[in-house]
């Protein structure tokens, strides 16, 4: 990768760097807490996948919420796992991480932020065996 320096000394990459962030919840789609060992295994697999793609990851604790169909506000702590990579994210790798969160953590929707765009994957994408981009 060729890089140049600007007047402030910052390195400017010569190609686009992609950003991927996955939101890993602690509650399942019924509002029950996911088992600690199951969730830890999912987080570890996502960290490994992101490290294989980008060479590393950053994880942080956050807090998220959503409105249920009956209008109730649900809130929970979440883990945000993100990485920056120079290579395009293979759809099979992204699909595997989405399917992992959807099935192992029993989610209705999986939220992914890719290059600043929020992507929401519903159960129909995993049930059909295809993760849409």
C-alpha atoms as a PDB file:
ATOM      1  CA  UNK A   1       0.000   0.000   0.000  1.00  0.00           C
ATOM      2  CA  UNK A   2       1.370   3.354  -0.986  1.00  0.00           C
ATOM      3  CA  UNK A   3       0.798   6.202   1.467  1.00  0.00           C
ATOM      4  CA  UNK A   4       1.578   9.864   1.546  1.00  0.00           C
ATOM      5  CA  UNK A   5       1.763  12.390   4.348  1.00  0.00           C
ATOM      6  CA  UNK A   6      -0.342  15.576   4.543  1.00  0.00           C
ATOM      7  CA  UNK A   7       0.763  18.909   6.065  1.00  0.00           C
ATOM      8  CA  UNK A   8      -0.255  17.718   9.553  1.00  0.00           C
ATOM      9  CA  UNK A   9       1.750  14.532   9.266  1.00  0.00           C
ATOM     10  CA  UNK A  10      -1.287  12.248   8.929  1.00  0.00           C
ATOM     11  CA  UNK A  11      -0.880   9.239   6.671  1.00  0.00           C
ATOM     12  CA  UNK A  12      -3.279   9.183   3.708  1.00  0.00           C
ATOM     13  CA  UNK A  13      -3.903   5.664   2.361  1.00  0.00           C
ATOM     14  CA  UNK A  14      -3.981   5.296  -1.390  1.00  0.00           C
ATOM     15  CA  UNK A  15      -7.052   3.044  -1.296  1.00  0.00           C
ATOM     16  CA  UNK A  16     -10.394   2.913   0.479  1.00  0.00           C
ATOM     17  CA  UNK A  17     -10.511   1.458   3.986  1.00  0.00           C
ATOM     18  CA  UNK A  18     -13.770  -0.309   4.878  1.00  0.00           C
ATOM     19  CA  UNK A  19     -15.377  -0.091   8.324  1.00  0.00           C
ATOM     20  CA  UNK A  20     -17.592  -2.864   9.715  1.00  0.00           C
ATOM     21  CA  UNK A  21     -19.353  -2.797  13.085  1.00  0.00           C
ATOM     22  CA  UNK A  22     -21.540  -5.543  14.531  1.00  0.00           C
ATOM     23  CA  UNK A  23     -23.883  -5.038  17.464  1.00  0.00           C
ATOM     24  CA  UNK A  24     -24.017  -8.069  19.748  1.00  0.00           C
ATOM     25  CA  UNK A  25     -26.983  -8.034  22.181  1.00  0.00           C
ATOM     26  CA  UNK A  26     -27.334  -9.700  25.583  1.00  0.00           C
ATOM     27  CA  UNK A  27     -31.090 -10.355  25.265  1.00  0.00           C
ATOM     28  CA  UNK A  28     -32.777 -12.742  22.847  1.00  0.00           C
ATOM     29  CA  UNK A  29     -35.802 -11.774  20.752  1.00  0.00           C
ATOM     30  CA  UNK A  30     -38.129 -12.679  23.632  1.00  0.00           C
ATOM     31  CA  UNK A  31     -36.352 -10.401  26.098  1.00  0.00           C
ATOM     32  CA  UNK A  32     -34.548 -13.223  27.936  1.00  0.00           C
ATOM     33  CA  UNK A  33     -30.867 -12.983  28.798  1.00  0.00           C
ATOM     34  CA  UNK A  34     -28.636 -15.084  26.551  1.00  0.00           C
ATOM     35  CA  UNK A  35     -26.397 -17.529  28.414  1.00  0.00           C
ATOM     36  CA  UNK A  36     -22.984 -16.092  29.212  1.00  0.00           C
ATOM     37  CA  UNK A  37     -21.042 -18.991  27.657  1.00  0.00           C
ATOM     38  CA  UNK A  38     -23.100 -18.935  24.450  1.00  0.00           C
ATOM     39  CA  UNK A  39     -22.700 -15.170  24.059  1.00  0.00           C
ATOM     40  CA  UNK A  40     -18.969 -15.337  24.854  1.00  0.00           C
ATOM     41  CA  UNK A  41     -18.489 -17.986  22.167  1.00  0.00           C
ATOM     42  CA  UNK A  42     -20.334 -15.810  19.602  1.00  0.00           C
ATOM     43  CA  UNK A  43     -18.255 -12.750  20.520  1.00  0.00           C
ATOM     44  CA  UNK A  44     -15.035 -14.798  20.247  1.00  0.00           C
ATOM     45  CA  UNK A  45     -15.984 -16.119  16.773  1.00  0.00           C
ATOM     46  CA  UNK A  46     -16.811 -12.605  15.549  1.00  0.00           C
ATOM     47  CA  UNK A  47     -13.504 -11.258  16.882  1.00  0.00           C
ATOM     48  CA  UNK A  48     -11.685 -14.076  15.088  1.00  0.00           C
ATOM     49  CA  UNK A  49     -13.537 -13.446  11.808  1.00  0.00           C
ATOM     50  CA  UNK A  50     -12.854  -9.711  11.934  1.00  0.00           C
ATOM     51  CA  UNK A  51      -9.199 -10.325  12.787  1.00  0.00           C
ATOM     52  CA  UNK A  52      -8.871 -12.701   9.827  1.00  0.00           C
ATOM     53  CA  UNK A  53     -10.390 -10.041   7.556  1.00  0.00           C
ATOM     54  CA  UNK A  54      -8.803  -6.864   8.911  1.00  0.00           C
ATOM     55  CA  UNK A  55      -5.921  -7.951  11.096  1.00  0.00           C
ATOM     56  CA  UNK A  56      -7.638  -6.955  14.354  1.00  0.00           C
ATOM     57  CA  UNK A  57     -10.763  -5.517  15.955  1.00  0.00           C
ATOM     58  CA  UNK A  58     -11.983  -3.087  18.590  1.00  0.00           C
ATOM     59  CA  UNK A  59     -14.682  -4.074  21.082  1.00  0.00           C
ATOM     60  CA  UNK A  60     -16.567  -1.757  23.392  1.00  0.00           C
ATOM     61  CA  UNK A  61     -19.601  -1.868  25.633  1.00  0.00           C
ATOM     62  CA  UNK A  62     -22.628   0.154  24.605  1.00  0.00           C
ATOM     63  CA  UNK A  63     -26.286   0.481  25.427  1.00  0.00           C
ATOM     64  CA  UNK A  64     -29.102   0.037  22.926  1.00  0.00           C
ATOM     65  CA  UNK A  65     -32.839   0.046  22.763  1.00  0.00           C
ATOM     66  CA  UNK A  66     -35.779  -0.638  20.505  1.00  0.00           C
ATOM     67  CA  UNK A  67     -39.559  -0.333  20.573  1.00  0.00           C
ATOM     68  CA  UNK A  68     -41.513  -3.588  20.734  1.00  0.00           C
ATOM     69  CA  UNK A  69     -44.564  -4.159  18.493  1.00  0.00           C
ATOM     70  CA  UNK A  70     -46.799  -3.237  21.467  1.00  0.00           C
ATOM     71  CA  UNK A  71     -44.945   0.085  21.935  1.00  0.00           C
ATOM     72  CA  UNK A  72     -42.796  -0.822  24.947  1.00  0.00           C
ATOM     73  CA  UNK A  73     -39.243   0.522  25.062  1.00  0.00           C
ATOM     74  CA  UNK A  74     -36.736  -2.273  25.635  1.00  0.00           C
ATOM     75  CA  UNK A  75     -33.141  -1.441  26.588  1.00  0.00           C
ATOM     76  CA  UNK A  76     -30.054  -3.574  27.033  1.00  0.00           C
ATOM     77  CA  UNK A  77     -26.274  -3.468  27.176  1.00  0.00           C
ATOM     78  CA  UNK A  78     -24.590  -4.526  23.924  1.00  0.00           C
ATOM     79  CA  UNK A  79     -21.081  -5.255  22.719  1.00  0.00           C
ATOM     80  CA  UNK A  80     -19.940  -3.298  19.687  1.00  0.00           C
ATOM     81  CA  UNK A  81     -17.263  -5.113  17.698  1.00  0.00           C
ATOM     82  CA  UNK A  82     -15.689  -3.276  14.790  1.00  0.00           C
ATOM     83  CA  UNK A  83     -12.795  -3.424  12.405  1.00  0.00           C
ATOM     84  CA  UNK A  84     -11.250  -1.479   9.548  1.00  0.00           C
ATOM     85  CA  UNK A  85     -10.042  -3.446   6.552  1.00  0.00           C
ATOM     86  CA  UNK A  86      -8.500  -2.633   3.178  1.00  0.00           C
ATOM     87  CA  UNK A  87     -10.047  -5.703   1.520  1.00  0.00           C
ATOM     88  CA  UNK A  88     -13.728  -6.023   0.620  1.00  0.00           C
ATOM     89  CA  UNK A  89     -15.679  -8.013   3.222  1.00  0.00           C
ATOM     90  CA  UNK A  90     -16.537 -11.402   1.666  1.00  0.00           C
ATOM     91  CA  UNK A  91     -20.323 -11.886   1.752  1.00  0.00           C
ATOM     92  CA  UNK A  92     -19.881 -15.415   3.080  1.00  0.00           C
ATOM     93  CA  UNK A  93     -17.929 -14.108   6.077  1.00  0.00           C
ATOM     94  CA  UNK A  94     -20.444 -11.342   6.773  1.00  0.00           C
ATOM     95  CA  UNK A  95     -23.303 -13.801   6.298  1.00  0.00           C
ATOM     96  CA  UNK A  96     -21.692 -16.224   8.726  1.00  0.00           C
ATOM     97  CA  UNK A  97     -21.412 -13.571  11.428  1.00  0.00           C
ATOM     98  CA  UNK A  98     -25.014 -12.417  10.874  1.00  0.00           C
ATOM     99  CA  UNK A  99     -26.263 -16.010  10.971  1.00  0.00           C
ATOM    100  CA  UNK A 100     -24.254 -16.668  14.142  1.00  0.00           C
ATOM    101  CA  UNK A 101     -25.850 -13.718  15.950  1.00  0.00           C
ATOM    102  CA  UNK A 102     -29.310 -14.534  14.565  1.00  0.00           C
ATOM    103  CA  UNK A 103     -29.337 -18.225  15.458  1.00  0.00           C
ATOM    104  CA  UNK A 104     -27.076 -18.614  18.500  1.00  0.00           C
ATOM    105  CA  UNK A 105     -28.446 -15.486  20.232  1.00  0.00           C
ATOM    106  CA  UNK A 106     -32.023 -16.015  18.908  1.00  0.00           C
ATOM    107  CA  UNK A 107     -32.486 -12.564  17.365  1.00  0.00           C
ATOM    108  CA  UNK A 108     -35.312 -11.205  15.216  1.00  0.00           C
ATOM    109  CA  UNK A 109     -33.021  -8.654  13.518  1.00  0.00           C
ATOM    110  CA  UNK A 110     -29.232  -8.256  13.336  1.00  0.00           C
ATOM    111  CA  UNK A 111     -27.787  -4.747  12.967  1.00  0.00           C
ATOM    112  CA  UNK A 112     -24.560  -4.218  11.025  1.00  0.00           C
ATOM    113  CA  UNK A 113     -22.952  -0.900  10.132  1.00  0.00           C
ATOM    114  CA  UNK A 114     -20.836  -1.090   6.976  1.00  0.00           C
ATOM    115  CA  UNK A 115     -19.042   1.992   5.667  1.00  0.00           C
ATOM    116  CA  UNK A 116     -21.482   4.220   7.555  1.00  0.00           C
ATOM    117  CA  UNK A 117     -24.671   2.519   6.333  1.00  0.00           C
ATOM    118  CA  UNK A 118     -26.931   0.672   8.772  1.00  0.00           C
ATOM    119  CA  UNK A 119     -27.896  -2.758   7.444  1.00  0.00           C
ATOM    120  CA  UNK A 120     -30.685  -4.659   9.195  1.00  0.00           C
ATOM    121  CA  UNK A 121     -30.925  -8.387   8.529  1.00  0.00           C
ATOM    122  CA  UNK A 122     -34.202 -10.127   9.435  1.00  0.00           C
ATOM    123  CA  UNK A 123     -34.812 -13.794  10.066  1.00  0.00           C
ATOM    124  CA  UNK A 124     -36.025 -14.354   6.480  1.00  0.00           C
ATOM    125  CA  UNK A 125     -32.473 -13.835   5.178  1.00  0.00           C
ATOM    126  CA  UNK A 126     -31.061 -16.550   7.425  1.00  0.00           C
ATOM    127  CA  UNK A 127     -34.055 -18.867   6.975  1.00  0.00           C
ATOM    128  CA  UNK A 128     -33.596 -18.705   3.182  1.00  0.00           C
ATOM    129  CA  UNK A 129     -29.899 -19.474   3.554  1.00  0.00           C
ATOM    130  CA  UNK A 130     -28.966 -16.141   1.972  1.00  0.00           C
ATOM    131  CA  UNK A 131     -27.806 -12.927   3.589  1.00  0.00           C
ATOM    132  CA  UNK A 132     -28.677  -9.934   1.431  1.00  0.00           C
ATOM    133  CA  UNK A 133     -26.292  -7.044   1.066  1.00  0.00           C
END
